[in-house]
Protein backbone atom coordinates (compact mmCIF):
# COMPACT_ATOMS: atom_id res chain seq x y z
CA UNK A 1 22.60 80.52 -26.80
CA UNK A 2 21.64 83.78 -26.32
CA UNK A 3 21.10 85.12 -22.82
CA UNK A 4 17.37 85.07 -23.42
CA UNK A 5 16.61 81.47 -24.34
CA UNK A 6 16.01 79.48 -21.42
CA UNK A 7 18.14 76.65 -20.44
CA UNK A 8 16.44 73.37 -20.85
CA UNK A 9 16.94 70.15 -19.02
CA UNK A 10 17.15 67.42 -21.28
CA UNK A 11 16.97 65.21 -18.17
CA UNK A 12 19.15 62.44 -19.48
CA UNK A 13 19.57 60.53 -16.06
CA UNK A 14 16.06 59.44 -15.83
CA UNK A 15 14.75 57.02 -19.03
CA UNK A 16 12.37 58.54 -21.53
CA UNK A 17 9.70 56.34 -23.42
CA UNK A 18 10.38 58.05 -26.86
CA UNK A 19 14.50 57.33 -26.11
CA UNK A 20 13.40 53.83 -25.24
CA UNK A 21 11.25 53.28 -28.43
CA UNK A 22 14.49 54.76 -30.44
CA UNK A 23 16.66 52.27 -29.21
CA UNK A 24 14.28 49.25 -30.02
CA UNK A 25 14.32 50.83 -33.64
CA UNK A 26 18.15 50.62 -33.72
CA UNK A 27 18.69 54.59 -33.39
CA UNK A 28 21.58 56.51 -31.64
CA UNK A 29 20.04 59.23 -30.00
CA UNK A 30 19.50 57.12 -26.55
CA UNK A 31 21.18 57.21 -23.05
CA UNK A 32 22.23 55.22 -20.28
CA UNK A 33 19.15 55.60 -18.28
CA UNK A 34 17.25 54.53 -21.57
CA UNK A 35 19.67 51.72 -22.73
CA UNK A 36 19.00 50.05 -18.68
CA UNK A 37 15.61 50.37 -18.89
CA UNK A 38 14.65 49.16 -22.23
CA UNK A 39 17.41 45.88 -20.91
CA UNK A 40 15.03 45.20 -18.51
CA UNK A 41 11.69 45.56 -20.88
CA UNK A 42 14.31 43.03 -23.55
CA UNK A 43 14.99 40.66 -20.45
CA UNK A 44 11.13 40.06 -19.54
CA UNK A 45 9.77 40.72 -23.23
CA UNK A 46 12.63 39.39 -25.28
CA UNK A 47 9.89 40.43 -28.64
CA UNK A 48 10.24 43.65 -27.76
CA UNK A 49 12.57 45.08 -30.77
CA UNK A 50 10.54 43.13 -32.83
CA UNK A 51 7.11 44.53 -31.36
CA UNK A 52 8.60 48.41 -32.16
CA UNK A 53 9.97 47.24 -35.67
CA UNK A 54 6.31 46.03 -36.68
CA UNK A 55 5.00 48.90 -34.75
CA UNK A 56 6.76 51.23 -36.86
CA UNK A 57 6.44 49.80 -40.47
CA UNK A 58 2.32 49.99 -39.47
CA UNK A 59 3.04 53.60 -39.52
CA UNK A 60 4.82 53.10 -42.47
CA UNK A 61 1.68 51.29 -44.49
CA UNK A 62 -0.99 53.17 -43.05
CA UNK A 63 0.81 56.47 -44.39
CA UNK A 64 1.42 55.50 -47.82
CA UNK A 65 -2.06 53.86 -48.00
CA UNK A 66 -3.40 56.96 -46.90
CA UNK A 67 -1.67 59.26 -48.94
CA UNK A 68 -2.27 57.17 -51.78
CA UNK A 69 -5.51 57.78 -50.91
CA UNK A 70 -5.85 61.59 -51.63
CA UNK A 71 -4.82 62.88 -47.88
CA UNK A 72 -2.59 65.34 -48.09
CA UNK A 73 -2.50 66.92 -44.59
CA UNK A 74 -1.18 64.80 -41.30
CA UNK A 75 -0.45 65.59 -37.87
CA UNK A 76 2.07 63.40 -35.92
CA UNK A 77 1.58 62.94 -32.33
CA UNK A 78 3.84 61.48 -30.27
CA UNK A 79 6.73 61.72 -32.74
CA UNK A 80 9.38 60.27 -31.31
CA UNK A 81 13.38 60.51 -32.24
CA UNK A 82 13.97 60.88 -36.09
CA UNK A 83 13.89 57.25 -37.18
CA UNK A 84 14.20 57.38 -41.16
CA UNK A 85 12.00 56.57 -43.34
CA UNK A 86 9.92 59.23 -40.78
CA UNK A 87 6.57 60.07 -41.56
CA UNK A 88 6.91 63.22 -43.95
CA UNK A 89 9.58 61.37 -46.19
CA UNK A 90 6.61 58.24 -46.43
CA UNK A 91 3.87 61.15 -47.48
CA UNK A 92 5.94 62.89 -49.87
CA UNK A 93 7.25 59.87 -51.65
CA UNK A 94 4.00 59.29 -52.74
CA UNK A 95 2.76 62.70 -52.59
CA UNK A 96 5.33 65.57 -53.17
CA UNK A 97 3.16 68.56 -51.98
CA UNK A 98 1.84 66.88 -48.15
CA UNK A 99 2.00 68.93 -45.41
CA UNK A 100 3.22 67.57 -42.07
CA UNK A 101 3.36 68.41 -38.65
CA UNK A 102 4.98 66.79 -35.89
CA UNK A 103 4.37 66.97 -32.01
CA UNK A 104 6.10 65.78 -29.43
CA UNK A 105 7.13 66.82 -25.69
CA UNK A 106 10.40 65.65 -25.38
CA UNK A 107 13.04 68.02 -25.37
CA UNK A 108 15.55 65.98 -27.45
CA UNK A 109 13.16 65.28 -29.99
CA UNK A 110 12.75 69.30 -30.38
CA UNK A 111 16.34 69.41 -30.30
CA UNK A 112 16.49 66.88 -33.72
CA UNK A 113 13.54 68.83 -35.02
CA UNK A 114 15.47 70.04 -38.13
CA UNK A 115 15.65 66.53 -39.52
CA UNK A 116 11.84 66.51 -39.43
CA UNK A 117 11.41 69.50 -41.01
CA UNK A 118 13.75 68.54 -44.51
CA UNK A 119 10.68 67.56 -46.75
CA UNK A 120 10.32 68.56 -50.32
CA UNK A 121 9.69 72.07 -51.53
CA UNK A 122 6.75 71.13 -52.76
CA UNK A 123 4.73 70.63 -49.64
CA UNK A 124 5.65 71.97 -46.01
CA UNK A 125 6.98 70.36 -42.31
CA UNK A 126 6.70 71.73 -38.69
CA UNK A 127 6.89 70.85 -35.53
CA UNK A 128 4.96 71.78 -32.45
CA UNK A 129 6.57 70.84 -28.93
CA UNK A 130 3.83 69.89 -27.17
CA UNK A 131 1.48 67.65 -24.91
CA UNK A 132 -1.20 65.05 -26.09
CA UNK A 133 -2.91 65.38 -23.01
CA UNK A 134 -3.38 69.17 -23.72
CA UNK A 135 -4.94 68.68 -27.34
CA UNK A 136 -6.00 72.40 -27.10
CA UNK A 137 -2.56 73.33 -27.24
CA UNK A 138 -1.63 71.51 -30.07
CA UNK A 139 -5.00 72.54 -32.03
CA UNK A 140 -4.30 75.69 -31.48
CA UNK A 141 -0.63 76.05 -31.91
CA UNK A 142 0.53 78.77 -34.69
CA UNK A 143 3.00 76.00 -36.27
CA UNK A 144 0.07 73.71 -37.19
CA UNK A 145 -2.21 76.64 -38.09
CA UNK A 146 0.20 77.89 -40.65
CA UNK A 147 0.64 74.48 -42.03
CA UNK A 148 -2.25 72.46 -42.64
CA UNK A 149 -5.84 73.91 -43.12
CA UNK A 150 -8.36 72.41 -40.41
CA UNK A 151 -11.38 72.84 -42.96
CA UNK A 152 -9.57 69.88 -44.95
CA UNK A 153 -8.94 66.46 -43.71
CA UNK A 154 -6.40 65.78 -41.78
CA UNK A 155 -4.49 61.73 -41.71
CA UNK A 156 -4.28 62.00 -37.30
CA UNK A 157 -1.51 59.60 -36.60
CA UNK A 158 -1.43 58.36 -32.58
CA UNK A 159 1.46 55.89 -32.84
CA UNK A 160 2.19 53.79 -30.07
CA UNK A 161 1.27 56.47 -27.79
CA UNK A 162 -2.25 56.55 -25.80
CA UNK A 163 -0.75 53.83 -23.92
CA UNK A 164 1.20 56.32 -22.18
CA UNK A 165 -1.87 58.53 -21.43
CA UNK A 166 -3.61 56.69 -18.71
CA UNK A 167 -7.19 57.39 -16.94
CA UNK A 168 -6.60 57.77 -13.93
CA UNK A 169 -10.45 57.18 -12.89
CA UNK A 170 -11.57 60.26 -15.78
CA UNK A 171 -11.37 57.64 -18.67
CA UNK A 172 -8.73 60.64 -20.13
CA UNK A 173 -7.53 58.79 -22.90
CA UNK A 174 -10.84 58.56 -24.79
CA UNK A 175 -11.85 62.36 -23.82
CA UNK A 176 -8.71 63.04 -25.30
CA UNK A 177 -9.01 61.64 -28.88
CA UNK A 178 -12.50 62.34 -28.89
CA UNK A 179 -11.31 66.12 -28.60
CA UNK A 180 -8.53 65.75 -31.37
CA UNK A 181 -11.22 63.96 -33.85
CA UNK A 182 -14.36 66.23 -33.28
CA UNK A 183 -11.65 69.67 -34.58
CA UNK A 184 -11.11 67.65 -38.09
CA UNK A 185 -13.71 67.71 -40.81
CA UNK A 186 -15.43 64.64 -42.42
CA UNK A 187 -13.21 62.61 -44.58
CA UNK A 188 -10.07 62.96 -42.05
CA UNK A 189 -8.31 60.30 -40.68
CA UNK A 190 -7.77 58.26 -37.51
CA UNK A 191 -4.39 55.80 -37.79
CA UNK A 192 -3.56 54.29 -34.74
CA UNK A 193 -1.74 51.41 -32.72
CA UNK A 194 -1.49 50.82 -28.99
CA UNK A 195 -0.11 47.79 -26.36
CA UNK A 196 -2.25 45.48 -24.77
CA UNK A 197 -2.14 42.67 -22.60
CA UNK A 198 -4.53 40.50 -23.85
CA UNK A 199 -2.41 38.30 -25.22
CA UNK A 200 0.31 38.17 -22.19
CA UNK A 201 -0.99 39.48 -19.24
CA UNK A 202 1.75 38.78 -16.59
CA UNK A 203 4.63 40.01 -18.90
CA UNK A 204 2.89 42.91 -20.18
CA UNK A 205 2.07 43.44 -15.94
CA UNK A 206 5.91 43.37 -15.91
CA UNK A 207 6.48 46.14 -18.17
CA UNK A 208 4.59 48.37 -16.62
CA UNK A 209 6.36 47.82 -13.13
CA UNK A 210 9.82 48.26 -15.64
CA UNK A 211 8.12 51.81 -16.92
CA UNK A 212 7.07 52.94 -13.28
CA UNK A 213 10.35 52.31 -11.81
CA UNK A 214 11.66 54.71 -14.89
CA UNK A 215 9.00 57.81 -13.67
CA UNK A 216 6.71 56.71 -16.72
CA UNK A 217 3.16 55.52 -16.05
CA UNK A 218 1.75 53.09 -18.78
CA UNK A 219 -1.97 51.61 -19.30
CA UNK A 220 -2.40 48.86 -21.78
CA UNK A 221 -5.93 48.44 -22.61
CA UNK A 222 -8.18 46.11 -24.27
CA UNK A 223 -9.57 45.38 -28.00
CA UNK A 224 -12.73 46.63 -26.72
CA UNK A 225 -11.20 49.83 -25.04
CA UNK A 226 -9.22 50.19 -28.36
CA UNK A 227 -11.91 50.29 -30.60
CA UNK A 228 -13.79 52.88 -28.36
CA UNK A 229 -10.67 55.33 -29.70
CA UNK A 230 -12.70 54.89 -33.28
CA UNK A 231 -16.14 56.19 -32.37
CA UNK A 232 -18.26 57.26 -34.65
CA UNK A 233 -15.58 56.88 -37.30
CA UNK A 234 -15.62 54.78 -39.97
CA UNK A 235 -12.95 51.54 -39.72
CA UNK A 236 -10.92 50.58 -43.09
CA UNK A 237 -10.53 47.40 -43.68
CA UNK A 238 -9.25 45.27 -42.12
CA UNK A 239 -10.52 46.56 -38.75
CA UNK A 240 -8.95 46.39 -35.82
CA UNK A 241 -5.76 43.87 -36.09
CA UNK A 242 -2.60 43.10 -34.51
CA UNK A 243 0.09 45.67 -36.32
CA UNK A 244 1.81 43.29 -38.01
CA UNK A 245 -1.48 41.97 -39.66
CA UNK A 246 -2.86 45.15 -40.86
CA UNK A 247 -2.55 45.63 -44.81
CA UNK A 248 1.16 44.11 -44.73
CA UNK A 249 3.48 44.35 -47.56
CA UNK A 250 3.70 40.60 -48.61
CA UNK A 251 0.86 38.19 -47.33
CA UNK A 252 4.21 36.39 -44.96
CA UNK A 253 4.73 38.98 -42.92
CA UNK A 254 1.52 38.39 -40.75
CA UNK A 255 2.86 34.87 -40.06
CA UNK A 256 5.94 35.76 -38.72
CA UNK A 257 5.22 36.99 -35.26
CA UNK A 258 3.27 35.43 -33.01
CA UNK A 259 0.15 37.65 -31.53
CA UNK A 260 1.83 37.93 -28.31
CA UNK A 261 5.14 39.16 -29.40
CA UNK A 262 3.47 41.88 -31.49
CA UNK A 263 0.96 42.90 -28.35
CA UNK A 264 -0.20 45.84 -30.21
CA UNK A 265 -3.33 46.50 -31.64
CA UNK A 266 -3.97 48.77 -34.99
CA UNK A 267 -6.50 50.14 -36.85
CA UNK A 268 -7.60 53.28 -39.38
CA UNK A 269 -10.63 54.92 -39.39
CA UNK A 270 -12.10 57.86 -41.68
CA UNK A 271 -14.50 60.11 -40.62
CA UNK A 272 -17.78 60.31 -42.24
């Protein structure tokens, strides 16, 4: 480190949602505070490990589908700790010339960003340290503008992210998503998952309290509230489903998990 580089407080004594998710996925970039918070979640919701896995698998399927449909630009906001296969690995396996921009607000993710930048020679990957609640900063970041052409379709991924944006009485989450959608041209897509308490309200309410005690506010949303994120865009079949039910690789994959265990809506839509 040079004398001009700022010292970054990684706040390893506090649980962070990205590192809790990493633990749920079986990753190794998590710390005692993260594991303790994850343990409390598992104590009230033992299916959390399953929910995290099927949520990640939705991202894989959606990315594979969109790359196969011709999308060559991807913007993944709320990337989280790199857990292979990452979005660029899925996209570039189908389309080696795909370009991917990752963003996250956790300095630990920034420290691991090199793993997110090892793409194909034909494609490009970039990383933007940013917060989804400031979408204008993401859209104007030099790393993004050097990598993506915002006059051409972009596949926007908001995977298990927007339940970390509370509305605070101002409909903040939907405003953020609408700002991102408005910046993208016709043919762009939005792939999104979002936790819900529709199927197990008591359990999910307890999870809210666990995250709040760890310093993170959550807001679970209903199916109708999730559907609003796609206003004005055309939902791809099968529309809004639970995460394990969106185009499963094998039909039986959609029957091994109950709705209450999934606890997460998923959908992909295209801008007309």
